[in-house]
């Protein structure tokens, strides 16, 4: 029996030593495995289907929430009274980003155009795009401020132009029209005779140029030979940038319009000098859903499991060795009695 216990003890010692060695090896190999996975999923490589698809068709949901400041007393405002407004919204839009015209270069960079599209989300909105609101007419009141110091005759001509195209000081339109554009004879006239004067080339809307448009030509580093450069912007529309590309973003902005009575432009009537709020919008993106699970698994769970495994094997090995020595010691203690 003592001989058998000695063999068991030796077996435990061997197993314990192997466990300690394996755990020790993991302390060195584990970080290398994790780093390799991180690099593999960070480098922009068309041969890596998962990471490349996630980079090309960004799965991170972006949402734009828009609030309008609806004017309740437009006629009184023209008489010089203080404006009364109510906040309407939010009107929420899901933003989809997709890269196109992707071209890889020999210097480990890739160029692309990123297109964005917005889709109304009724379930997340406090209203519909058919809601009608009244806001200041930027084309009229904004131009009036810009022409304030021009000769009086010029201001009269500007006012006559507004009247010809039936443009008043305020706009009463649906949310959808204000967001994505409405037909305006004045805008068509300005685009025909003064191309480039307005940011809008078709229908005039606050976000008309945002939808189904691209953000310009980006050239970024793939990180192929230097992971530290991965996703850094080399240039944008030919301009050198050297910045990073964020995944989680948050943008908040309020659009106000300074307006007042301008002599010669009768559309301004007796409007008192005031900074009028028009819209407030915010855009945010966050990691959620399957992509969050993937990142959490690769960057949180896997490293934690590797760490627990390496220390677990070392602890188990040491415990096994201690038990083996105890078994061996008891076997030696009982050996003289069995021989008697």
Protein backbone atom coordinates (compact mmCIF):
# COMPACT_ATOMS: atom_id res chain seq x y z
CA UNK A 1 0.00 0.00 0.00
CA UNK A 2 2.84 2.37 0.86
CA UNK A 3 4.43 1.75 -2.54
CA UNK A 4 1.13 2.49 -4.27
CA UNK A 5 0.78 5.72 -2.27
CA UNK A 6 4.29 6.71 -3.26
CA UNK A 7 3.42 6.18 -6.91
CA UNK A 8 0.28 8.27 -6.46
CA UNK A 9 2.35 10.98 -4.82
CA UNK A 10 4.81 10.98 -7.71
CA UNK A 11 1.89 11.19 -10.15
CA UNK A 12 0.49 14.18 -8.25
CA UNK A 13 3.89 15.86 -8.25
CA UNK A 14 4.26 15.39 -12.01
CA UNK A 15 0.71 16.71 -12.60
CA UNK A 16 1.33 19.65 -10.29
CA UNK A 17 4.60 20.57 -11.95
CA UNK A 18 2.96 20.38 -15.38
CA UNK A 19 0.09 22.63 -14.16
CA UNK A 20 2.55 25.20 -12.76
CA UNK A 21 4.57 25.13 -15.98
CA UNK A 22 1.41 25.49 -18.11
CA UNK A 23 0.17 28.40 -15.97
CA UNK A 24 3.57 30.08 -16.16
CA UNK A 25 3.63 29.66 -19.93
CA UNK A 26 0.16 31.22 -20.13
CA UNK A 27 1.42 34.35 -18.33
CA UNK A 28 3.74 34.93 -21.27
CA UNK A 29 1.69 33.47 -24.13
CA UNK A 30 -1.71 34.85 -23.03
CA UNK A 31 -0.93 38.53 -23.65
CA UNK A 32 0.55 37.61 -27.04
CA UNK A 33 -2.67 35.78 -28.02
CA UNK A 34 -4.81 38.69 -26.87
CA UNK A 35 -2.63 41.24 -28.67
CA UNK A 36 -2.82 39.15 -31.83
CA UNK A 37 -6.64 39.12 -31.64
CA UNK A 38 -6.76 42.87 -31.07
CA UNK A 39 -4.46 43.54 -34.01
CA UNK A 40 -6.39 41.11 -36.19
CA UNK A 41 -9.68 42.91 -35.51
CA UNK A 42 -8.23 46.44 -35.70
CA UNK A 43 -6.26 46.33 -38.95
CA UNK A 44 -8.33 47.18 -42.02
CA UNK A 45 -7.91 44.02 -44.06
CA UNK A 46 -10.37 42.92 -46.78
CA UNK A 47 -9.30 39.32 -46.10
CA UNK A 48 -10.79 39.52 -42.59
CA UNK A 49 -14.48 39.29 -43.38
CA UNK A 50 -15.87 40.20 -39.96
CA UNK A 51 -13.75 43.25 -39.09
CA UNK A 52 -13.68 44.52 -42.69
CA UNK A 53 -17.47 44.31 -43.03
CA UNK A 54 -17.92 46.11 -39.71
CA UNK A 55 -15.57 48.86 -40.89
CA UNK A 56 -17.19 49.22 -44.32
CA UNK A 57 -20.81 49.15 -43.13
CA UNK A 58 -20.62 50.74 -39.69
CA UNK A 59 -22.91 48.73 -37.38
CA UNK A 60 -22.83 51.37 -34.63
CA UNK A 61 -26.29 53.01 -34.51
CA UNK A 62 -26.25 56.80 -34.78
CA UNK A 63 -29.33 58.86 -33.95
CA UNK A 64 -30.08 62.52 -34.64
CA UNK A 65 -32.70 64.20 -32.46
CA UNK A 66 -34.11 67.51 -33.68
CA UNK A 67 -36.17 70.03 -31.70
CA UNK A 68 -37.92 72.99 -33.32
CA UNK A 69 -38.77 76.26 -31.54
CA UNK A 70 -42.25 76.93 -32.90
CA UNK A 71 -43.19 80.64 -32.96
CA UNK A 72 -46.61 81.18 -31.37
CA UNK A 73 -47.00 84.92 -32.08
CA UNK A 74 -45.46 85.72 -35.49
CA UNK A 75 -47.75 88.71 -36.19
CA UNK A 76 -47.11 90.24 -32.77
CA UNK A 77 -43.39 89.75 -33.27
CA UNK A 78 -43.58 91.89 -36.43
CA UNK A 79 -45.08 94.66 -34.28
CA UNK A 80 -42.06 94.66 -32.00
CA UNK A 81 -43.38 92.41 -29.26
CA UNK A 82 -41.27 89.72 -27.60
CA UNK A 83 -41.38 86.32 -29.27
CA UNK A 84 -43.24 83.43 -27.69
CA UNK A 85 -42.01 79.97 -28.64
CA UNK A 86 -42.71 76.36 -27.76
CA UNK A 87 -40.30 73.48 -28.14
CA UNK A 88 -41.51 70.76 -30.49
CA UNK A 89 -39.87 67.37 -30.69
CA UNK A 90 -37.77 65.42 -30.55
CA UNK A 91 -37.96 64.23 -34.15
CA UNK A 92 -35.54 61.33 -34.20
CA UNK A 93 -33.67 60.00 -37.23
CA UNK A 94 -31.51 56.91 -37.48
CA UNK A 95 -28.30 57.59 -39.38
CA UNK A 96 -26.72 54.91 -41.53
CA UNK A 97 -23.09 55.22 -42.64
CA UNK A 98 -21.65 53.15 -45.46
CA UNK A 99 -18.28 53.41 -47.19
CA UNK A 100 -17.94 53.26 -50.97
CA UNK A 101 -15.26 53.85 -53.62
CA UNK A 102 -12.82 51.98 -51.38
CA UNK A 103 -9.26 51.98 -52.74
CA UNK A 104 -6.24 50.43 -51.01
CA UNK A 105 -2.81 52.00 -51.60
CA UNK A 106 0.73 50.63 -51.48
CA UNK A 107 1.69 52.84 -48.49
CA UNK A 108 -0.73 51.00 -46.15
CA UNK A 109 -3.53 53.53 -46.53
CA UNK A 110 -7.05 53.23 -47.89
CA UNK A 111 -9.24 55.92 -49.44
CA UNK A 112 -13.04 55.97 -49.40
CA UNK A 113 -16.19 58.04 -49.48
CA UNK A 114 -18.55 57.62 -46.56
CA UNK A 115 -22.22 58.07 -47.43
CA UNK A 116 -24.84 58.91 -44.83
CA UNK A 117 -28.59 58.39 -44.94
CA UNK A 118 -31.25 59.38 -42.41
CA UNK A 119 -34.43 57.46 -41.65
CA UNK A 120 -37.24 58.82 -39.50
CA UNK A 121 -37.94 56.80 -36.33
CA UNK A 122 -41.61 57.38 -35.34
CA UNK A 123 -41.37 55.17 -32.24
CA UNK A 124 -38.61 57.35 -30.79
CA UNK A 125 -40.14 60.68 -31.80
CA UNK A 126 -42.64 62.97 -30.09
CA UNK A 127 -44.50 63.77 -33.29
CA UNK A 128 -44.46 63.13 -37.03
CA UNK A 129 -42.73 64.72 -40.00
CA UNK A 130 -46.13 66.05 -41.04
CA UNK A 131 -46.26 68.32 -37.96
CA UNK A 132 -46.41 71.99 -38.97
CA UNK A 133 -44.18 74.55 -37.24
CA UNK A 134 -43.36 78.22 -37.75
CA UNK A 135 -39.74 79.41 -37.67
CA UNK A 136 -37.90 82.51 -38.97
CA UNK A 137 -37.16 82.58 -42.69
CA UNK A 138 -33.36 82.58 -42.78
CA UNK A 139 -33.29 83.61 -46.44
CA UNK A 140 -35.16 86.83 -45.63
CA UNK A 141 -34.19 87.81 -42.09
CA UNK A 142 -30.62 86.55 -42.42
CA UNK A 143 -30.12 88.42 -45.69
CA UNK A 144 -31.64 91.56 -44.13
CA UNK A 145 -28.91 91.62 -41.45
CA UNK A 146 -26.22 91.02 -44.08
CA UNK A 147 -27.52 93.93 -46.19
CA UNK A 148 -27.98 96.33 -43.28
CA UNK A 149 -24.95 98.45 -44.23
CA UNK A 150 -25.56 98.39 -47.97
CA UNK A 151 -26.93 101.48 -49.79
CA UNK A 152 -30.61 102.12 -49.20
CA UNK A 153 -31.41 101.51 -52.88
CA UNK A 154 -29.83 98.06 -52.67
CA UNK A 155 -31.95 97.23 -49.65
CA UNK A 156 -35.07 98.31 -51.53
CA UNK A 157 -34.13 96.03 -54.42
CA UNK A 158 -33.59 93.12 -52.04
CA UNK A 159 -37.00 93.72 -50.47
CA UNK A 160 -38.60 93.88 -53.94
CA UNK A 161 -36.95 90.54 -54.80
CA UNK A 162 -38.45 88.94 -51.68
CA UNK A 163 -41.88 90.22 -52.67
CA UNK A 164 -41.51 88.97 -56.24
CA UNK A 165 -40.84 85.45 -55.01
CA UNK A 166 -43.41 85.70 -52.20
CA UNK A 167 -40.88 85.20 -49.42
CA UNK A 168 -42.05 86.46 -46.03
CA UNK A 169 -40.24 86.83 -42.68
CA UNK A 170 -41.47 83.48 -41.35
CA UNK A 171 -41.85 79.95 -42.66
CA UNK A 172 -44.79 77.75 -41.78
CA UNK A 173 -43.90 74.31 -43.07
CA UNK A 174 -44.03 70.67 -42.10
CA UNK A 175 -41.11 69.22 -40.19
CA UNK A 176 -40.25 67.04 -43.18
CA UNK A 177 -40.11 70.04 -45.53
CA UNK A 178 -37.97 72.08 -43.15
CA UNK A 179 -35.61 69.16 -42.64
CA UNK A 180 -35.16 67.80 -46.15
CA UNK A 181 -36.25 70.61 -48.42
CA UNK A 182 -39.14 72.39 -50.05
CA UNK A 183 -39.54 74.07 -53.43
CA UNK A 184 -38.54 77.74 -53.44
CA UNK A 185 -38.55 79.96 -56.51
CA UNK A 186 -36.10 82.30 -54.77
CA UNK A 187 -33.63 79.45 -54.20
CA UNK A 188 -33.96 78.38 -57.85
CA UNK A 189 -33.33 81.98 -58.96
CA UNK A 190 -30.24 82.38 -56.75
CA UNK A 191 -28.80 79.03 -57.82
CA UNK A 192 -29.33 79.91 -61.48
CA UNK A 193 -27.78 83.38 -61.43
CA UNK A 194 -25.46 83.10 -58.41
CA UNK A 195 -24.24 79.48 -58.32
CA UNK A 196 -22.48 78.53 -55.10
CA UNK A 197 -24.11 81.34 -53.12
CA UNK A 198 -26.30 78.91 -51.18
CA UNK A 199 -25.24 75.58 -49.66
CA UNK A 200 -28.34 73.96 -51.14
CA UNK A 201 -28.36 73.13 -54.86
CA UNK A 202 -31.90 71.73 -55.03
CA UNK A 203 -34.74 72.10 -52.60
CA UNK A 204 -34.01 74.35 -49.64
CA UNK A 205 -33.97 72.60 -46.25
CA UNK A 206 -32.01 72.78 -43.04
CA UNK A 207 -30.52 69.29 -43.58
CA UNK A 208 -31.11 68.92 -47.32
CA UNK A 209 -27.42 68.51 -48.09
CA UNK A 210 -26.89 65.96 -45.30
CA UNK A 211 -29.11 63.16 -46.52
CA UNK A 212 -27.74 60.72 -49.11
CA UNK A 213 -24.48 62.64 -49.26
CA UNK A 214 -20.85 61.84 -48.52
CA UNK A 215 -18.48 63.47 -46.06
CA UNK A 216 -15.64 63.88 -48.53
CA UNK A 217 -12.69 61.74 -49.56
CA UNK A 218 -10.93 60.24 -46.54
CA UNK A 219 -7.55 58.53 -46.67
CA UNK A 220 -6.67 56.63 -43.50
CA UNK A 221 -3.98 54.21 -42.40
CA UNK A 222 -4.89 50.51 -42.39
CA UNK A 223 -2.45 49.67 -39.57
CA UNK A 224 -1.05 46.82 -41.64
CA UNK A 225 2.60 47.37 -40.69
CA UNK A 226 2.10 49.76 -37.76
CA UNK A 227 -0.91 49.07 -35.55
CA UNK A 228 -0.39 52.42 -33.82
CA UNK A 229 -1.51 54.18 -37.01
CA UNK A 230 -4.62 52.06 -37.57
CA UNK A 231 -7.66 54.19 -38.49
CA UNK A 232 -5.72 57.45 -38.21
CA UNK A 233 -6.66 59.96 -40.90
CA UNK A 234 -3.84 60.69 -43.33
CA UNK A 235 -5.81 63.24 -45.36
CA UNK A 236 -9.31 64.52 -46.03
CA UNK A 237 -10.10 65.91 -49.46
CA UNK A 238 -6.37 66.22 -50.01
CA UNK A 239 -5.71 68.08 -46.73
CA UNK A 240 -3.41 66.39 -44.25
CA UNK A 241 -5.21 65.75 -40.97
CA UNK A 242 -3.40 63.11 -38.86
CA UNK A 243 -6.31 62.53 -36.50
CA UNK A 244 -8.17 59.50 -35.27
CA UNK A 245 -11.56 58.17 -36.31
CA UNK A 246 -13.99 58.03 -33.34
CA UNK A 247 -16.55 55.26 -32.86
CA UNK A 248 -18.59 56.87 -30.11
CA UNK A 249 -19.55 60.47 -30.85
CA UNK A 250 -21.90 63.10 -29.50
CA UNK A 251 -22.71 66.41 -31.19
CA UNK A 252 -25.02 69.07 -29.76
CA UNK A 253 -25.81 72.34 -31.49
CA UNK A 254 -28.44 75.06 -31.29
CA UNK A 255 -29.13 77.20 -34.33
CA UNK A 256 -30.14 80.79 -33.54
CA UNK A 257 -30.90 83.70 -35.84
CA UNK A 258 -30.12 87.32 -35.05
CA UNK A 259 -32.88 89.50 -36.41
CA UNK A 260 -34.12 93.07 -36.17
CA UNK A 261 -35.77 95.81 -38.20
CA UNK A 262 -33.68 96.83 -41.21
CA UNK A 263 -34.64 100.06 -42.95
CA UNK A 264 -35.63 99.54 -46.58
CA UNK A 265 -36.42 95.83 -46.16
CA UNK A 266 -40.08 95.99 -45.26
CA UNK A 267 -40.29 92.27 -44.49
CA UNK A 268 -38.53 93.03 -41.19
CA UNK A 269 -41.36 95.41 -40.27
CA UNK A 270 -40.89 96.51 -36.60
CA UNK A 271 -39.09 93.40 -35.34
CA UNK A 272 -37.20 94.17 -32.16
CA UNK A 273 -33.53 93.23 -31.94
CA UNK A 274 -33.48 89.65 -30.72
CA UNK A 275 -31.51 86.41 -31.01
CA UNK A 276 -34.18 83.92 -31.99
CA UNK A 277 -33.75 80.18 -31.31
CA UNK A 278 -34.73 78.08 -34.30
CA UNK A 279 -33.70 74.47 -33.77
CA UNK A 280 -31.69 72.35 -31.39
CA UNK A 281 -30.25 69.07 -32.55
CA UNK A 282 -27.96 66.43 -31.18
CA UNK A 283 -26.38 63.41 -32.79
CA UNK A 284 -24.93 60.51 -30.88
CA UNK A 285 -23.61 57.06 -31.63
CA UNK A 286 -22.89 54.19 -29.32
CA UNK A 287 -21.80 50.58 -29.50
CA UNK A 288 -24.70 48.21 -28.92
CA UNK A 289 -26.07 44.80 -29.98
CA UNK A 290 -23.89 42.12 -31.61
CA UNK A 291 -20.92 44.44 -32.09
CA UNK A 292 -20.90 45.19 -28.35
CA UNK A 293 -20.98 41.47 -27.62
CA UNK A 294 -18.05 40.88 -29.98
CA UNK A 295 -15.95 43.64 -28.44
CA UNK A 296 -16.87 42.59 -24.90
CA UNK A 297 -15.93 38.98 -25.62
CA UNK A 298 -12.61 39.76 -27.29
CA UNK A 299 -11.48 42.65 -25.13
CA UNK A 300 -12.99 41.87 -21.71
CA UNK A 301 -14.03 38.26 -21.28
CA UNK A 302 -11.14 36.63 -23.16
CA UNK A 303 -8.40 38.53 -21.29
CA UNK A 304 -10.15 37.84 -17.95
CA UNK A 305 -10.46 34.12 -18.72
CA UNK A 306 -6.80 33.96 -19.76
CA UNK A 307 -5.74 35.71 -16.56
CA UNK A 308 -7.84 33.45 -14.33
CA UNK A 309 -6.58 30.39 -16.19
CA UNK A 310 -2.91 31.23 -15.77
CA UNK A 311 -3.18 31.88 -12.04
CA UNK A 312 -5.64 29.03 -11.62
CA UNK A 313 -3.24 26.51 -13.16
CA UNK A 314 -0.35 27.79 -11.04
CA UNK A 315 -2.43 27.63 -7.86
CA UNK A 316 -3.80 24.18 -8.75
CA UNK A 317 -0.30 22.92 -9.56
CA UNK A 318 1.13 24.16 -6.27
CA UNK A 319 -1.79 22.68 -4.34
CA UNK A 320 -1.33 19.35 -6.14
CA UNK A 321 2.38 19.31 -5.31
CA UNK A 322 1.66 20.03 -1.63
CA UNK A 323 -0.91 17.22 -1.52
CA UNK A 324 1.59 14.89 -3.19
CA UNK A 325 4.23 15.65 -0.57
CA UNK A 326 1.69 15.07 2.21
CA UNK A 327 0.69 11.72 0.71
CA UNK A 328 4.32 10.76 0.27
CA UNK A 329 5.12 11.79 3.85
CA UNK A 330 2.26 9.74 5.28
CA UNK A 331 3.37 6.77 3.19
CA UNK A 332 6.89 6.97 4.65
CA UNK A 333 5.55 7.32 8.18
CA UNK A 334 3.40 4.17 7.84
CA UNK A 335 6.12 2.18 6.08
CA UNK A 336 8.04 1.05 9.27
CA UNK A 337 4.80 -0.15 10.95
CA UNK A 338 3.88 -2.28 7.95
CA UNK A 339 7.34 -3.85 7.93
CA UNK A 340 6.92 -4.80 11.61
